[in-house]
N, C-alpha and C. Protein backbone atom coordinates (compact mmCIF):
# COMPACT_ATOMS: atom_id res chain seq x y z
N MET A 1 83.17 120.96 112.07
CA MET A 1 84.36 121.60 112.16
C MET A 1 84.08 122.87 112.88
N GLU A 2 84.65 123.36 113.87
CA GLU A 2 84.57 124.78 114.48
C GLU A 2 84.70 125.92 113.35
N PHE A 3 83.81 126.88 113.41
CA PHE A 3 83.72 127.86 112.45
C PHE A 3 85.06 128.60 112.41
N SER A 4 85.69 128.83 113.36
CA SER A 4 87.07 129.45 113.24
C SER A 4 88.06 128.54 112.56
N THR A 5 87.94 127.28 112.79
CA THR A 5 89.05 126.47 112.12
C THR A 5 88.66 126.41 110.69
N LEU A 6 87.28 126.26 110.41
CA LEU A 6 86.85 126.10 108.73
C LEU A 6 87.41 127.49 108.12
N LEU A 7 87.23 128.68 108.80
CA LEU A 7 87.90 129.85 108.19
C LEU A 7 89.45 129.79 107.91
N ASP A 8 90.06 129.15 108.98
CA ASP A 8 91.57 129.27 109.05
C ASP A 8 92.08 128.25 107.84
N ARG A 9 91.25 127.00 107.72
CA ARG A 9 91.54 125.91 106.69
C ARG A 9 91.26 126.25 105.22
N ARG A 10 90.18 126.93 104.91
CA ARG A 10 89.64 127.08 103.80
C ARG A 10 90.71 127.66 102.87
N ARG A 11 90.85 127.19 101.71
CA ARG A 11 91.80 127.66 100.76
C ARG A 11 91.20 127.50 99.34
N SER A 12 91.70 128.46 98.36
CA SER A 12 91.31 128.35 96.95
C SER A 12 92.07 127.16 96.37
N ILE A 13 91.32 126.21 95.93
CA ILE A 13 91.79 124.94 95.34
C ILE A 13 91.47 125.02 93.75
N ARG A 14 92.69 124.88 93.23
CA ARG A 14 92.80 124.98 91.64
C ARG A 14 93.09 123.42 91.08
N ALA A 15 93.27 122.53 91.90
CA ALA A 15 93.74 121.26 91.32
C ALA A 15 92.79 120.20 91.98
N PHE A 16 92.13 119.48 91.37
CA PHE A 16 91.21 118.50 91.75
C PHE A 16 91.67 117.03 91.48
N GLY A 17 91.25 116.13 92.53
CA GLY A 17 91.41 114.69 92.13
C GLY A 17 90.32 114.10 91.35
N LYS A 18 90.52 113.04 90.76
CA LYS A 18 89.56 112.34 89.80
C LYS A 18 88.18 111.86 90.45
N ALA A 19 88.27 111.56 91.77
CA ALA A 19 87.19 110.86 92.38
C ALA A 19 86.04 111.90 92.28
N PRO A 20 84.85 111.30 92.03
CA PRO A 20 83.57 112.06 91.98
C PRO A 20 83.08 112.53 93.30
N VAL A 21 82.26 113.44 93.17
CA VAL A 21 81.73 114.18 94.58
C VAL A 21 80.40 113.55 94.79
N ASP A 22 80.35 112.90 96.12
CA ASP A 22 79.10 112.14 96.50
C ASP A 22 77.89 113.14 96.17
N ASP A 23 76.78 112.66 95.61
CA ASP A 23 75.51 113.48 95.51
C ASP A 23 75.12 113.90 96.79
N GLY A 24 75.11 113.30 97.97
CA GLY A 24 74.71 113.73 99.18
C GLY A 24 75.63 115.01 99.63
N GLU A 25 76.88 115.05 99.45
CA GLU A 25 77.82 116.25 99.59
C GLU A 25 77.25 117.30 98.83
N ILE A 26 76.98 117.16 97.59
CA ILE A 26 76.57 118.23 96.71
C ILE A 26 75.29 118.77 97.24
N GLN A 27 74.35 117.95 97.53
CA GLN A 27 73.11 118.24 98.15
C GLN A 27 73.23 119.21 99.28
N ALA A 28 74.27 118.72 100.23
CA ALA A 28 74.46 119.56 101.51
C ALA A 28 75.01 121.02 101.10
N VAL A 29 75.94 121.13 99.98
CA VAL A 29 76.33 122.32 99.52
C VAL A 29 75.23 123.16 99.06
N LEU A 30 74.38 122.66 98.33
CA LEU A 30 73.34 123.30 97.65
C LEU A 30 72.30 123.82 98.69
N GLU A 31 72.15 123.03 99.76
CA GLU A 31 71.17 123.37 100.93
C GLU A 31 71.95 124.45 101.74
N ALA A 32 73.21 124.53 101.68
CA ALA A 32 73.85 125.70 102.43
C ALA A 32 73.40 126.92 101.60
N ALA A 33 73.74 126.85 100.34
CA ALA A 33 73.36 127.93 99.63
C ALA A 33 71.97 128.57 99.63
N ASP A 34 71.03 127.55 99.82
CA ASP A 34 69.59 127.89 100.04
C ASP A 34 69.54 128.68 101.40
N SER A 35 70.24 128.24 102.23
CA SER A 35 70.00 128.77 103.74
C SER A 35 70.45 130.30 103.70
N ALA A 36 71.28 130.70 102.87
CA ALA A 36 71.92 132.22 102.95
C ALA A 36 70.71 133.08 103.07
N PRO A 37 71.23 134.18 103.75
CA PRO A 37 70.22 135.38 103.85
C PRO A 37 70.11 136.06 102.42
N SER A 38 68.90 136.57 102.42
CA SER A 38 68.83 137.42 101.03
C SER A 38 67.95 138.64 101.34
N ALA A 39 67.89 139.60 100.47
CA ALA A 39 67.15 140.84 100.43
C ALA A 39 65.76 140.43 100.48
N GLY A 40 65.02 140.85 101.59
CA GLY A 40 63.54 140.39 101.57
C GLY A 40 63.23 139.00 101.64
N ASP A 41 64.00 138.11 101.78
CA ASP A 41 63.91 136.72 101.62
C ASP A 41 63.57 136.27 100.47
N LEU A 42 63.86 137.12 99.39
CA LEU A 42 63.47 136.84 97.97
C LEU A 42 64.28 135.82 97.23
N GLN A 43 65.56 135.62 97.75
CA GLN A 43 66.47 134.71 96.95
C GLN A 43 66.40 135.05 95.55
N ALA A 44 66.99 136.27 95.29
CA ALA A 44 66.92 136.74 93.89
C ALA A 44 68.24 136.09 93.11
N TYR A 45 68.20 134.89 93.13
CA TYR A 45 69.35 134.19 92.52
C TYR A 45 68.92 132.77 91.97
N GLU A 46 69.67 132.21 91.09
CA GLU A 46 69.53 130.93 90.50
C GLU A 46 70.81 130.23 90.70
N VAL A 47 70.85 128.75 90.87
CA VAL A 47 72.15 128.08 90.78
C VAL A 47 72.02 126.85 89.80
N VAL A 48 73.05 126.81 88.89
CA VAL A 48 73.09 125.65 88.07
C VAL A 48 74.32 124.73 88.38
N CYS A 49 73.89 123.50 88.59
CA CYS A 49 74.83 122.45 89.13
C CYS A 49 75.30 121.64 87.84
N VAL A 50 76.42 121.81 87.54
CA VAL A 50 76.96 121.17 86.18
C VAL A 50 78.05 120.08 86.60
N LYS A 51 77.58 118.91 85.96
CA LYS A 51 78.40 117.69 86.16
C LYS A 51 79.13 117.21 84.77
N ARG A 52 78.28 117.58 83.64
CA ARG A 52 78.72 117.05 82.28
C ARG A 52 80.11 117.84 81.85
N ALA A 53 80.96 116.97 81.47
CA ALA A 53 82.38 117.29 81.13
C ALA A 53 82.30 118.28 79.88
N ASP A 54 81.38 118.15 79.08
CA ASP A 54 81.27 118.92 77.86
C ASP A 54 80.86 120.38 78.25
N THR A 55 79.92 120.47 79.22
CA THR A 55 79.60 121.83 79.68
C THR A 55 80.55 122.48 80.59
N ARG A 56 81.32 121.63 81.40
CA ARG A 56 82.33 122.19 82.27
C ARG A 56 83.37 122.77 81.36
N ALA A 57 83.71 121.94 80.15
CA ALA A 57 84.76 122.47 79.12
C ALA A 57 84.32 123.89 78.80
N LEU A 58 83.08 124.06 78.30
CA LEU A 58 82.47 125.22 77.80
C LEU A 58 82.73 126.48 78.98
N LEU A 59 82.43 126.11 80.22
CA LEU A 59 82.63 127.02 81.28
C LEU A 59 84.10 127.42 81.47
N ALA A 60 85.08 126.53 81.24
CA ALA A 60 86.40 126.71 81.33
C ALA A 60 86.79 127.84 80.21
N THR A 61 86.30 127.45 79.11
CA THR A 61 86.63 128.37 77.96
C THR A 61 85.94 129.89 78.29
N ALA A 62 84.81 129.89 78.82
CA ALA A 62 84.05 131.15 79.13
C ALA A 62 84.99 131.85 80.31
N ALA A 63 85.70 131.18 81.15
CA ALA A 63 86.27 131.57 82.16
C ALA A 63 87.80 131.98 81.72
N LEU A 64 87.93 132.31 80.42
CA LEU A 64 89.20 132.96 79.92
C LEU A 64 90.30 131.65 79.95
N GLY A 65 89.89 130.55 79.86
CA GLY A 65 90.83 129.42 79.63
C GLY A 65 91.35 128.95 80.77
N GLN A 66 90.73 129.20 82.04
CA GLN A 66 91.02 128.59 83.37
C GLN A 66 90.69 127.06 83.31
N GLU A 67 91.53 126.22 82.93
CA GLU A 67 91.29 124.83 82.66
C GLU A 67 90.78 123.99 83.99
N PHE A 68 91.23 124.60 85.09
CA PHE A 68 90.77 123.89 86.32
C PHE A 68 89.27 123.97 86.54
N VAL A 69 88.54 124.70 85.83
CA VAL A 69 87.18 124.73 85.96
C VAL A 69 86.65 123.57 85.15
N ALA A 70 87.21 123.00 84.13
CA ALA A 70 86.71 121.84 83.48
C ALA A 70 87.21 120.48 84.36
N GLU A 71 88.33 120.60 84.99
CA GLU A 71 88.83 119.58 85.71
C GLU A 71 88.05 119.27 86.96
N ALA A 72 87.27 120.17 87.61
CA ALA A 72 86.53 119.96 88.71
C ALA A 72 85.43 118.93 88.41
N PRO A 73 84.89 118.01 89.22
CA PRO A 73 83.81 117.21 88.88
C PRO A 73 82.41 117.85 88.85
N ILE A 74 82.45 118.94 89.50
CA ILE A 74 81.19 119.86 89.73
C ILE A 74 81.35 121.25 89.47
N VAL A 75 80.70 121.83 88.98
CA VAL A 75 80.87 123.46 88.91
C VAL A 75 79.42 123.88 89.22
N LEU A 76 79.38 124.95 90.26
CA LEU A 76 78.09 125.43 90.46
C LEU A 76 78.23 126.96 89.88
N VAL A 77 77.02 127.25 89.12
CA VAL A 77 77.12 128.68 88.42
C VAL A 77 76.03 129.29 89.23
N PHE A 78 76.45 130.43 89.80
CA PHE A 78 75.48 131.26 90.45
C PHE A 78 75.08 132.57 89.58
N PHE A 79 73.85 132.66 89.57
CA PHE A 79 73.23 133.89 88.67
C PHE A 79 72.40 134.76 89.64
N ALA A 80 72.51 136.06 89.37
CA ALA A 80 71.47 136.96 90.00
C ALA A 80 70.19 137.07 89.22
N ASP A 81 69.20 137.19 89.76
CA ASP A 81 67.91 137.42 89.07
C ASP A 81 67.42 138.78 89.33
N PRO A 82 67.78 139.86 88.73
CA PRO A 82 67.40 141.15 88.98
C PRO A 82 66.01 141.46 88.94
N ALA A 83 65.16 140.78 88.18
CA ALA A 83 63.69 140.85 88.12
C ALA A 83 63.13 140.49 89.24
N ARG A 84 63.56 139.46 90.08
CA ARG A 84 63.01 139.01 91.15
C ARG A 84 63.03 140.01 92.32
N SER A 85 64.15 140.75 92.38
CA SER A 85 64.09 141.56 93.58
C SER A 85 63.54 143.20 93.15
N SER A 86 63.63 143.42 91.83
CA SER A 86 63.30 144.77 91.35
C SER A 86 61.68 145.00 91.58
N GLY A 87 60.93 144.01 91.68
CA GLY A 87 59.59 144.27 92.06
C GLY A 87 59.30 145.00 93.40
N ARG A 88 60.10 144.50 94.30
CA ARG A 88 59.86 145.10 95.62
C ARG A 88 60.80 146.31 95.82
N TYR A 89 61.97 146.20 95.34
CA TYR A 89 63.10 147.14 95.75
C TYR A 89 63.46 148.10 94.52
N GLY A 90 62.72 148.00 93.34
CA GLY A 90 63.12 148.92 92.36
C GLY A 90 64.37 148.78 91.81
N ARG A 91 65.04 149.91 91.48
CA ARG A 91 66.36 149.97 90.63
C ARG A 91 67.43 149.36 91.55
N ARG A 92 67.36 149.65 92.84
CA ARG A 92 68.57 149.18 93.75
C ARG A 92 68.55 147.70 93.87
N GLY A 93 67.22 147.16 93.75
CA GLY A 93 66.89 145.66 93.85
C GLY A 93 67.46 145.02 92.65
N ALA A 94 67.31 145.63 91.37
CA ALA A 94 67.54 145.18 90.23
C ALA A 94 69.16 145.20 90.08
N GLU A 95 69.84 146.27 90.59
CA GLU A 95 71.17 146.57 90.06
C GLU A 95 71.97 145.97 91.24
N LEU A 96 71.55 145.71 92.51
CA LEU A 96 72.42 145.34 93.53
C LEU A 96 71.92 144.23 94.34
N TYR A 97 70.76 144.16 94.71
CA TYR A 97 70.32 143.13 95.67
C TYR A 97 70.45 141.68 95.16
N GLY A 98 70.29 141.54 93.88
CA GLY A 98 70.41 140.12 93.12
C GLY A 98 71.82 139.61 93.28
N LEU A 99 72.81 140.65 92.97
CA LEU A 99 74.18 140.48 93.09
C LEU A 99 74.56 139.98 94.52
N GLN A 100 74.03 140.71 95.47
CA GLN A 100 74.51 140.30 96.88
C GLN A 100 73.94 139.02 97.26
N ASP A 101 72.63 138.68 96.93
CA ASP A 101 71.96 137.45 97.23
C ASP A 101 72.88 136.30 96.52
N ALA A 102 73.25 136.55 95.32
CA ALA A 102 73.91 135.32 94.60
C ALA A 102 75.40 135.10 95.15
N THR A 103 75.95 136.25 95.56
CA THR A 103 77.33 136.03 96.12
C THR A 103 77.32 135.41 97.48
N ILE A 104 76.40 135.85 98.24
CA ILE A 104 76.25 135.32 99.64
C ILE A 104 75.94 133.77 99.79
N ALA A 105 75.14 133.45 98.73
CA ALA A 105 74.73 132.01 98.58
C ALA A 105 76.04 131.36 98.10
N CYS A 106 76.83 131.75 97.17
CA CYS A 106 77.90 131.20 96.93
C CYS A 106 78.94 131.14 97.96
N ALA A 107 79.05 132.20 98.79
CA ALA A 107 79.86 131.99 100.01
C ALA A 107 79.50 130.96 100.97
N TYR A 108 78.16 130.80 101.10
CA TYR A 108 77.77 129.80 101.98
C TYR A 108 78.09 128.38 101.38
N ALA A 109 77.93 128.19 100.11
CA ALA A 109 78.22 126.94 99.35
C ALA A 109 79.67 126.70 99.45
N GLN A 110 80.54 127.74 99.32
CA GLN A 110 82.02 127.32 99.55
C GLN A 110 82.42 127.16 100.89
N LEU A 111 81.76 127.62 101.72
CA LEU A 111 82.19 127.26 103.17
C LEU A 111 81.56 125.82 103.49
N ARG A 112 80.43 125.50 103.12
CA ARG A 112 80.05 124.28 103.39
C ARG A 112 80.77 123.17 102.64
N ALA A 113 81.27 123.41 101.34
CA ALA A 113 82.26 122.42 100.66
C ALA A 113 83.38 122.40 101.49
N ALA A 114 83.98 123.24 101.93
CA ALA A 114 85.32 123.14 102.86
C ALA A 114 85.05 122.40 104.11
N ASP A 115 83.82 122.79 104.74
CA ASP A 115 83.46 121.90 105.86
C ASP A 115 83.52 120.53 105.71
N LEU A 116 83.00 120.01 104.37
CA LEU A 116 82.89 118.64 104.11
C LEU A 116 84.36 117.95 103.57
N GLY A 117 85.09 118.96 103.52
CA GLY A 117 86.50 118.39 103.13
C GLY A 117 86.62 118.54 101.62
N LEU A 118 85.85 119.19 101.05
CA LEU A 118 86.01 119.30 99.69
C LEU A 118 86.68 120.72 99.25
N GLY A 119 87.29 120.77 98.10
CA GLY A 119 88.04 121.98 97.70
C GLY A 119 87.19 122.77 96.64
N SER A 120 87.36 124.03 96.55
CA SER A 120 86.64 124.96 95.68
C SER A 120 87.51 126.07 95.46
N VAL A 121 86.96 127.01 94.50
CA VAL A 121 87.68 128.25 94.16
C VAL A 121 86.86 129.08 93.58
N TRP A 122 86.54 130.27 94.05
CA TRP A 122 85.62 131.40 93.39
C TRP A 122 86.27 131.89 92.15
N VAL A 123 85.48 131.66 91.10
CA VAL A 123 85.99 132.27 89.95
C VAL A 123 84.84 133.36 89.45
N GLY A 124 85.47 134.41 89.36
CA GLY A 124 84.79 135.71 88.75
C GLY A 124 85.16 136.31 87.49
N ALA A 125 86.36 135.78 86.98
CA ALA A 125 86.88 136.18 85.71
C ALA A 125 86.14 135.35 84.63
N PHE A 126 85.27 135.70 83.76
CA PHE A 126 84.63 134.98 82.68
C PHE A 126 83.79 135.97 81.80
N ASP A 127 83.66 135.48 80.77
CA ASP A 127 82.70 136.16 79.77
C ASP A 127 81.21 135.85 79.93
N GLU A 128 80.56 136.74 80.67
CA GLU A 128 79.11 136.49 81.10
C GLU A 128 78.35 135.87 79.96
N ALA A 129 78.34 136.40 78.55
CA ALA A 129 77.43 135.80 77.84
C ALA A 129 77.71 134.36 77.43
N GLU A 130 79.06 134.11 77.44
CA GLU A 130 79.36 132.62 77.13
C GLU A 130 79.07 131.69 78.30
N VAL A 131 79.19 132.17 79.55
CA VAL A 131 78.77 131.42 80.61
C VAL A 131 77.20 131.09 80.68
N ALA A 132 76.31 132.08 80.37
CA ALA A 132 74.97 132.05 80.21
C ALA A 132 74.61 131.12 79.05
N ARG A 133 75.37 131.12 78.01
CA ARG A 133 75.02 130.33 76.81
C ARG A 133 75.45 128.85 77.06
N ALA A 134 76.57 128.60 77.79
CA ALA A 134 76.98 127.22 78.25
C ALA A 134 75.92 126.52 78.99
N VAL A 135 75.16 127.25 79.76
CA VAL A 135 74.17 126.53 80.80
C VAL A 135 72.74 126.72 80.34
N ARG A 136 72.58 127.48 79.07
CA ARG A 136 71.29 127.75 78.43
C ARG A 136 70.43 128.48 79.47
N ALA A 137 71.09 129.61 80.01
CA ALA A 137 70.35 130.49 81.04
C ALA A 137 69.38 131.17 80.26
N PRO A 138 68.23 131.52 80.85
CA PRO A 138 67.24 132.40 80.17
C PRO A 138 67.62 133.90 80.31
N ALA A 139 67.13 134.62 79.40
CA ALA A 139 67.25 136.14 79.36
C ALA A 139 67.08 136.74 80.63
N GLY A 140 67.90 137.84 81.19
CA GLY A 140 67.52 138.41 82.23
C GLY A 140 68.32 138.00 83.56
N LEU A 141 68.86 136.84 83.36
CA LEU A 141 69.60 136.37 84.62
C LEU A 141 71.32 136.64 84.24
N ARG A 142 71.92 137.09 85.23
CA ARG A 142 73.38 137.41 85.21
C ARG A 142 74.22 136.55 85.92
N PRO A 143 75.21 135.95 85.11
CA PRO A 143 76.11 135.11 85.92
C PRO A 143 77.01 136.03 86.80
N VAL A 144 77.22 135.48 87.96
CA VAL A 144 77.90 136.16 88.99
C VAL A 144 79.38 135.59 89.56
N ALA A 145 79.19 134.13 89.64
CA ALA A 145 80.32 133.43 89.99
C ALA A 145 80.30 131.89 89.55
N LEU A 146 81.45 131.48 89.40
CA LEU A 146 81.62 129.95 89.11
C LEU A 146 82.20 129.48 90.18
N LEU A 147 81.77 128.18 90.77
CA LEU A 147 82.43 127.65 92.02
C LEU A 147 82.59 126.16 91.61
N PRO A 148 83.95 125.94 91.05
CA PRO A 148 84.33 124.41 90.97
C PRO A 148 84.55 123.85 92.25
N ILE A 149 84.07 122.66 92.25
CA ILE A 149 84.13 121.81 93.58
C ILE A 149 84.59 120.40 93.29
N GLY A 150 85.58 119.92 94.17
CA GLY A 150 85.98 118.44 94.07
C GLY A 150 87.10 118.21 95.14
N HIS A 151 87.34 116.98 95.08
CA HIS A 151 88.46 116.52 96.12
C HIS A 151 89.62 117.37 95.82
N PRO A 152 90.19 118.08 96.92
CA PRO A 152 91.52 118.65 96.54
C PRO A 152 92.58 117.72 96.19
N ALA A 153 93.42 118.11 95.23
CA ALA A 153 94.72 117.65 94.81
C ALA A 153 95.88 118.35 95.19
N GLU A 154 95.75 119.36 95.84
CA GLU A 154 96.80 120.46 96.40
C GLU A 154 96.33 120.89 97.88
N SER A 155 97.36 121.44 98.56
CA SER A 155 97.16 121.89 99.92
C SER A 155 97.97 123.30 99.93
N PRO A 156 97.51 124.33 99.37
CA PRO A 156 98.03 125.67 99.24
C PRO A 156 98.43 126.09 100.74
N GLU A 157 99.56 126.86 100.68
CA GLU A 157 99.78 127.65 102.04
C GLU A 157 98.81 128.68 102.12
N PRO A 158 98.44 129.32 103.34
CA PRO A 158 97.72 130.51 103.52
C PRO A 158 98.30 131.55 102.72
N THR A 159 97.63 132.37 102.21
CA THR A 159 97.91 133.84 101.43
C THR A 159 98.02 134.88 102.37
N PRO A 160 98.88 135.81 102.23
CA PRO A 160 98.89 137.05 103.22
C PRO A 160 97.57 137.72 103.13
N ARG A 161 97.18 138.23 104.34
CA ARG A 161 95.93 139.01 104.40
C ARG A 161 96.38 140.45 104.95
N ARG A 162 95.69 141.31 104.70
CA ARG A 162 95.74 142.76 105.03
C ARG A 162 95.75 142.96 106.48
N GLY A 163 94.83 142.05 107.23
CA GLY A 163 94.52 142.25 108.59
C GLY A 163 93.45 143.08 108.85
N ALA A 164 92.73 142.98 109.85
CA ALA A 164 91.66 143.74 110.22
C ALA A 164 91.98 145.24 110.46
N ALA A 165 93.14 145.38 111.22
CA ALA A 165 93.45 146.57 111.50
C ALA A 165 93.79 147.62 110.28
N ASN A 166 93.96 146.81 109.21
CA ASN A 166 94.32 147.58 107.91
C ASN A 166 93.05 147.95 107.08
N ILE A 167 92.04 147.15 107.33
CA ILE A 167 90.77 147.32 106.60
C ILE A 167 89.41 147.95 107.10
N VAL A 168 89.54 148.00 108.51
CA VAL A 168 88.55 148.53 109.30
C VAL A 168 88.72 150.03 109.67
N ARG A 169 87.61 150.83 109.44
CA ARG A 169 87.66 152.12 109.84
C ARG A 169 86.67 152.35 111.10
N LYS A 170 87.00 152.96 112.08
CA LYS A 170 86.01 153.17 113.16
C LYS A 170 85.23 154.52 113.05
N GLU A 171 83.85 154.36 112.89
CA GLU A 171 83.03 155.44 112.80
C GLU A 171 83.03 156.28 111.55
N GLY A 172 83.96 155.89 110.50
CA GLY A 172 84.17 156.54 109.33
C GLY A 172 85.62 156.53 108.92
N PHE A 173 85.86 157.31 107.69
CA PHE A 173 87.16 157.41 107.26
C PHE A 173 88.07 158.46 107.71
């Protein structure tokens, strides 16, 4: 798909069909996440691919009851790994670069899912400790985003955007 078409067609999908997602498609999504740029090429993030219904249910609870998380056949959980970037970049690496690395990896995964005709939605509202507990994350990792993925069972209309003219400042404010 042309990139501009992909951007125009991507929507936040919160209703998923029952069909499973092909392992090859999930692998392509994960490879897209792996290809994302990162600070110092350290890839200061981890991704947990969740298929088990009981774990998806725990994630939905952790996501403040957003049940569509449990209904998606796959949920990718993106974690920042502050320790991985702090060695090279100190405090800024620990506080920021891992978060940036995880978010751009999630964005690449989301775009690849859309390119494959899959639906997804970025979930950022959740209890971090509950998410970490649900996937048995080691101490020190910080959950940044959940990405439920599946075959779309809805076709939302585009949402209004502010427009580039309203968000871009030239040479400063």
